[in-house]
N, C-alpha and C. Protein backbone atom coordinates (compact mmCIF):
# COMPACT_ATOMS: atom_id res chain seq x y z
N MET A 1 -3.08 -20.02 -15.13
CA MET A 1 -3.11 -18.90 -13.97
C MET A 1 -3.25 -19.79 -12.67
N ALA A 2 -2.50 -19.48 -11.68
CA ALA A 2 -2.54 -20.04 -10.46
C ALA A 2 -3.76 -19.73 -9.64
N LEU A 3 -4.15 -20.43 -8.60
CA LEU A 3 -5.31 -20.17 -7.79
C LEU A 3 -5.27 -18.94 -7.08
N ARG A 4 -4.06 -18.60 -6.64
CA ARG A 4 -3.95 -17.31 -5.88
C ARG A 4 -4.10 -16.03 -6.87
N GLU A 5 -3.60 -16.24 -8.02
CA GLU A 5 -3.81 -15.11 -8.99
C GLU A 5 -5.28 -14.95 -9.41
N MET A 6 -5.97 -16.11 -9.57
CA MET A 6 -7.43 -16.03 -9.85
C MET A 6 -8.15 -15.40 -8.57
N ALA A 7 -7.78 -15.72 -7.41
CA ALA A 7 -8.29 -15.10 -6.24
C ALA A 7 -8.07 -13.58 -6.25
N GLN A 8 -6.88 -13.12 -6.59
CA GLN A 8 -6.50 -11.83 -6.65
C GLN A 8 -7.53 -11.11 -7.68
N GLU A 9 -7.75 -11.68 -8.86
CA GLU A 9 -8.62 -11.16 -9.93
C GLU A 9 -10.04 -11.11 -9.41
N TYR A 10 -10.52 -11.99 -8.71
CA TYR A 10 -11.75 -11.96 -7.95
C TYR A 10 -11.91 -10.86 -7.01
N ARG A 11 -10.89 -10.59 -6.28
CA ARG A 11 -10.78 -9.55 -5.25
C ARG A 11 -10.89 -8.12 -6.04
N ARG A 12 -10.13 -8.00 -7.14
CA ARG A 12 -10.22 -6.81 -7.94
C ARG A 12 -11.64 -6.56 -8.48
N ASN A 13 -12.16 -7.63 -9.05
CA ASN A 13 -13.56 -7.48 -9.62
C ASN A 13 -14.56 -7.12 -8.51
N THR A 14 -14.41 -7.74 -7.28
CA THR A 14 -15.21 -7.47 -6.27
C THR A 14 -15.19 -5.94 -5.81
N ALA A 15 -14.01 -5.36 -5.90
CA ALA A 15 -13.81 -3.96 -5.65
C ALA A 15 -14.66 -3.07 -6.62
N LEU A 16 -14.56 -3.45 -7.86
CA LEU A 16 -15.32 -2.76 -8.84
C LEU A 16 -16.84 -2.85 -8.78
N LEU A 17 -17.20 -4.05 -8.37
CA LEU A 17 -18.72 -4.29 -8.03
C LEU A 17 -19.06 -3.50 -6.87
N GLU A 18 -18.28 -3.33 -5.82
CA GLU A 18 -18.63 -2.64 -4.62
C GLU A 18 -18.74 -1.12 -4.85
N LEU A 19 -17.82 -0.63 -5.80
CA LEU A 19 -17.85 0.70 -6.27
C LEU A 19 -19.07 1.05 -7.02
N ARG A 20 -19.54 0.24 -8.00
CA ARG A 20 -20.74 0.44 -8.64
C ARG A 20 -21.98 0.41 -7.71
N MET A 21 -21.90 -0.46 -6.69
CA MET A 21 -23.08 -0.59 -5.72
C MET A 21 -23.12 0.75 -5.01
N LYS A 22 -22.11 1.32 -4.60
CA LYS A 22 -22.08 2.58 -3.83
C LYS A 22 -22.62 3.67 -4.74
N GLN A 23 -22.26 3.65 -6.09
CA GLN A 23 -22.83 4.64 -6.94
C GLN A 23 -24.30 4.53 -7.06
N LEU A 24 -24.84 3.23 -7.22
CA LEU A 24 -26.17 3.08 -7.26
C LEU A 24 -26.86 3.50 -5.98
N GLN A 25 -26.32 3.31 -4.94
CA GLN A 25 -26.98 3.68 -3.62
C GLN A 25 -27.10 5.24 -3.52
N VAL A 26 -26.07 5.98 -4.06
CA VAL A 26 -26.15 7.45 -4.06
C VAL A 26 -27.34 7.80 -5.09
N ALA A 27 -27.39 7.13 -6.16
CA ALA A 27 -28.52 7.52 -7.11
C ALA A 27 -29.82 7.21 -6.49
N GLN A 28 -29.85 6.11 -5.67
CA GLN A 28 -31.20 5.68 -5.12
C GLN A 28 -31.53 6.76 -4.19
N ARG A 29 -30.64 7.30 -3.33
CA ARG A 29 -31.04 8.31 -2.30
C ARG A 29 -31.47 9.53 -2.98
N ARG A 30 -30.81 9.91 -4.16
CA ARG A 30 -31.26 11.14 -4.84
C ARG A 30 -32.42 10.97 -5.66
N ALA A 31 -32.89 9.82 -6.02
CA ALA A 31 -34.02 9.67 -6.83
C ALA A 31 -35.23 10.12 -6.17
N ARG A 32 -36.20 10.71 -7.02
CA ARG A 32 -37.48 11.19 -6.47
C ARG A 32 -38.51 10.29 -6.79
N ASN A 33 -38.48 9.58 -8.03
CA ASN A 33 -39.44 8.78 -8.54
C ASN A 33 -39.34 7.43 -7.88
N GLN A 34 -40.57 6.94 -7.29
CA GLN A 34 -40.43 5.70 -6.50
C GLN A 34 -40.23 4.42 -7.39
N GLU A 35 -40.55 4.44 -8.56
CA GLU A 35 -40.26 3.38 -9.57
C GLU A 35 -38.73 3.36 -9.78
N VAL A 36 -38.17 4.47 -9.90
CA VAL A 36 -36.64 4.42 -10.13
C VAL A 36 -35.93 3.93 -8.93
N LYS A 37 -36.45 4.44 -7.62
CA LYS A 37 -35.90 3.99 -6.42
C LYS A 37 -35.99 2.50 -6.36
N TYR A 38 -37.11 1.94 -6.76
CA TYR A 38 -37.45 0.53 -6.65
C TYR A 38 -36.32 -0.33 -7.53
N ARG A 39 -36.38 0.21 -8.83
CA ARG A 39 -35.46 -0.48 -9.80
C ARG A 39 -33.92 -0.39 -9.34
N LEU A 40 -33.54 0.69 -8.82
CA LEU A 40 -32.17 0.82 -8.20
C LEU A 40 -31.96 -0.20 -6.99
N LYS A 41 -33.04 -0.30 -6.19
CA LYS A 41 -32.86 -1.22 -5.13
C LYS A 41 -32.67 -2.72 -5.55
N GLN A 42 -33.42 -2.99 -6.59
CA GLN A 42 -33.27 -4.32 -7.16
C GLN A 42 -31.93 -4.57 -7.75
N ARG A 43 -31.43 -3.51 -8.46
CA ARG A 43 -30.07 -3.76 -9.09
C ARG A 43 -29.02 -3.71 -7.89
N ILE A 44 -29.34 -3.08 -6.94
CA ILE A 44 -28.35 -3.13 -5.77
C ILE A 44 -28.26 -4.47 -5.12
N GLY A 45 -29.47 -5.07 -5.03
CA GLY A 45 -29.66 -6.40 -4.33
C GLY A 45 -28.93 -7.45 -5.23
N CYS A 46 -28.95 -7.30 -6.50
CA CYS A 46 -28.31 -8.28 -7.40
C CYS A 46 -26.78 -8.08 -7.35
N LEU A 47 -26.39 -6.83 -7.28
CA LEU A 47 -24.92 -6.61 -7.00
C LEU A 47 -24.37 -7.13 -5.80
N ARG A 48 -25.22 -7.04 -4.75
CA ARG A 48 -24.87 -7.49 -3.35
C ARG A 48 -24.67 -9.08 -3.44
N MET A 49 -25.57 -9.73 -4.13
CA MET A 49 -25.28 -11.23 -4.33
C MET A 49 -24.14 -11.50 -5.09
N LEU A 50 -23.83 -10.72 -6.14
CA LEU A 50 -22.59 -10.90 -6.96
C LEU A 50 -21.26 -10.81 -6.11
N ILE A 51 -21.33 -9.68 -5.28
CA ILE A 51 -20.22 -9.39 -4.37
C ILE A 51 -20.01 -10.57 -3.45
N ASN A 52 -21.11 -10.98 -2.80
CA ASN A 52 -20.88 -12.13 -1.79
C ASN A 52 -20.38 -13.38 -2.48
N GLU A 53 -20.81 -13.71 -3.63
CA GLU A 53 -20.27 -14.86 -4.31
C GLU A 53 -18.90 -14.78 -4.68
N SER A 54 -18.59 -13.59 -5.11
CA SER A 54 -17.12 -13.23 -5.51
C SER A 54 -16.15 -13.37 -4.31
N ARG A 55 -16.64 -12.85 -3.24
CA ARG A 55 -15.83 -12.93 -2.11
C ARG A 55 -15.55 -14.35 -1.60
N LYS A 56 -16.67 -15.03 -1.59
CA LYS A 56 -16.59 -16.54 -1.22
C LYS A 56 -15.61 -17.24 -2.21
N THR A 57 -15.82 -17.09 -3.40
CA THR A 57 -14.84 -17.72 -4.38
C THR A 57 -13.37 -17.31 -4.21
N ALA A 58 -13.22 -16.06 -3.95
CA ALA A 58 -11.80 -15.55 -3.76
C ALA A 58 -11.28 -16.31 -2.54
N PHE A 59 -12.15 -16.44 -1.52
CA PHE A 59 -11.61 -17.02 -0.19
C PHE A 59 -11.36 -18.51 -0.45
N ILE A 60 -12.19 -19.19 -1.22
CA ILE A 60 -12.06 -20.62 -1.43
C ILE A 60 -10.76 -20.79 -2.31
N LEU A 61 -10.52 -19.91 -3.22
CA LEU A 61 -9.30 -20.14 -4.09
C LEU A 61 -8.08 -19.74 -3.35
N GLU A 62 -8.11 -18.81 -2.40
CA GLU A 62 -6.98 -18.60 -1.53
C GLU A 62 -6.54 -19.61 -0.52
N HIS A 63 -7.49 -20.39 -0.15
CA HIS A 63 -7.29 -21.42 0.95
C HIS A 63 -7.54 -22.69 0.39
N TYR A 64 -7.63 -22.99 -0.98
CA TYR A 64 -7.96 -24.39 -1.53
C TYR A 64 -7.06 -25.44 -1.06
N HIS A 65 -5.76 -25.17 -1.04
CA HIS A 65 -4.78 -26.32 -0.77
C HIS A 65 -4.77 -26.62 0.85
N GLU A 66 -5.38 -25.81 1.58
CA GLU A 66 -5.37 -26.11 3.11
C GLU A 66 -6.34 -27.21 3.27
N ASN A 67 -5.95 -28.38 3.84
CA ASN A 67 -6.74 -29.56 4.24
C ASN A 67 -7.64 -30.03 3.04
N GLY A 68 -7.06 -30.14 1.87
CA GLY A 68 -7.74 -30.88 0.71
C GLY A 68 -8.58 -30.02 -0.02
N GLY A 69 -8.80 -28.82 0.25
CA GLY A 69 -9.56 -27.82 -0.51
C GLY A 69 -11.08 -27.67 -0.18
N HIS A 70 -11.47 -28.58 0.77
CA HIS A 70 -13.04 -28.58 0.96
C HIS A 70 -13.33 -28.13 2.45
N GLU A 71 -12.41 -27.88 3.30
CA GLU A 71 -12.58 -27.34 4.70
C GLU A 71 -13.47 -26.13 4.79
N HIS A 72 -13.38 -25.26 3.89
CA HIS A 72 -14.10 -23.95 4.01
C HIS A 72 -15.51 -24.03 3.28
N ASP A 73 -15.91 -25.10 2.85
CA ASP A 73 -17.31 -25.18 2.35
C ASP A 73 -18.34 -24.77 3.46
N GLY A 74 -19.10 -24.00 3.00
CA GLY A 74 -20.11 -23.48 3.99
C GLY A 74 -19.70 -22.36 5.02
N LYS A 75 -18.55 -21.98 4.95
CA LYS A 75 -17.93 -20.89 5.94
C LYS A 75 -18.11 -19.57 5.21
N ARG A 76 -18.17 -18.49 5.98
CA ARG A 76 -18.21 -17.05 5.43
C ARG A 76 -16.93 -16.64 4.91
N ALA A 77 -16.90 -15.97 3.76
CA ALA A 77 -15.70 -15.53 3.12
C ALA A 77 -15.26 -14.12 3.67
N VAL A 78 -16.24 -13.45 4.37
CA VAL A 78 -15.80 -12.04 4.84
C VAL A 78 -15.36 -12.15 6.29
């Protein structure tokens, strides 16, 4: 699999993670129990980290061959 194809797969998976995060945010707003709200908040936070890492990885894969593959280290993917 080529790097660009891998990047596309990361982008597709990121979209699925974003959809799930939105679903959990709706559930959090509707929840009445504080413990449930807290647990949903924690899950949303974990998804947010996964989404950011997935975006970063996709960005690096998309631009890997530009300037030796390391120019984008430390830059934002969004």
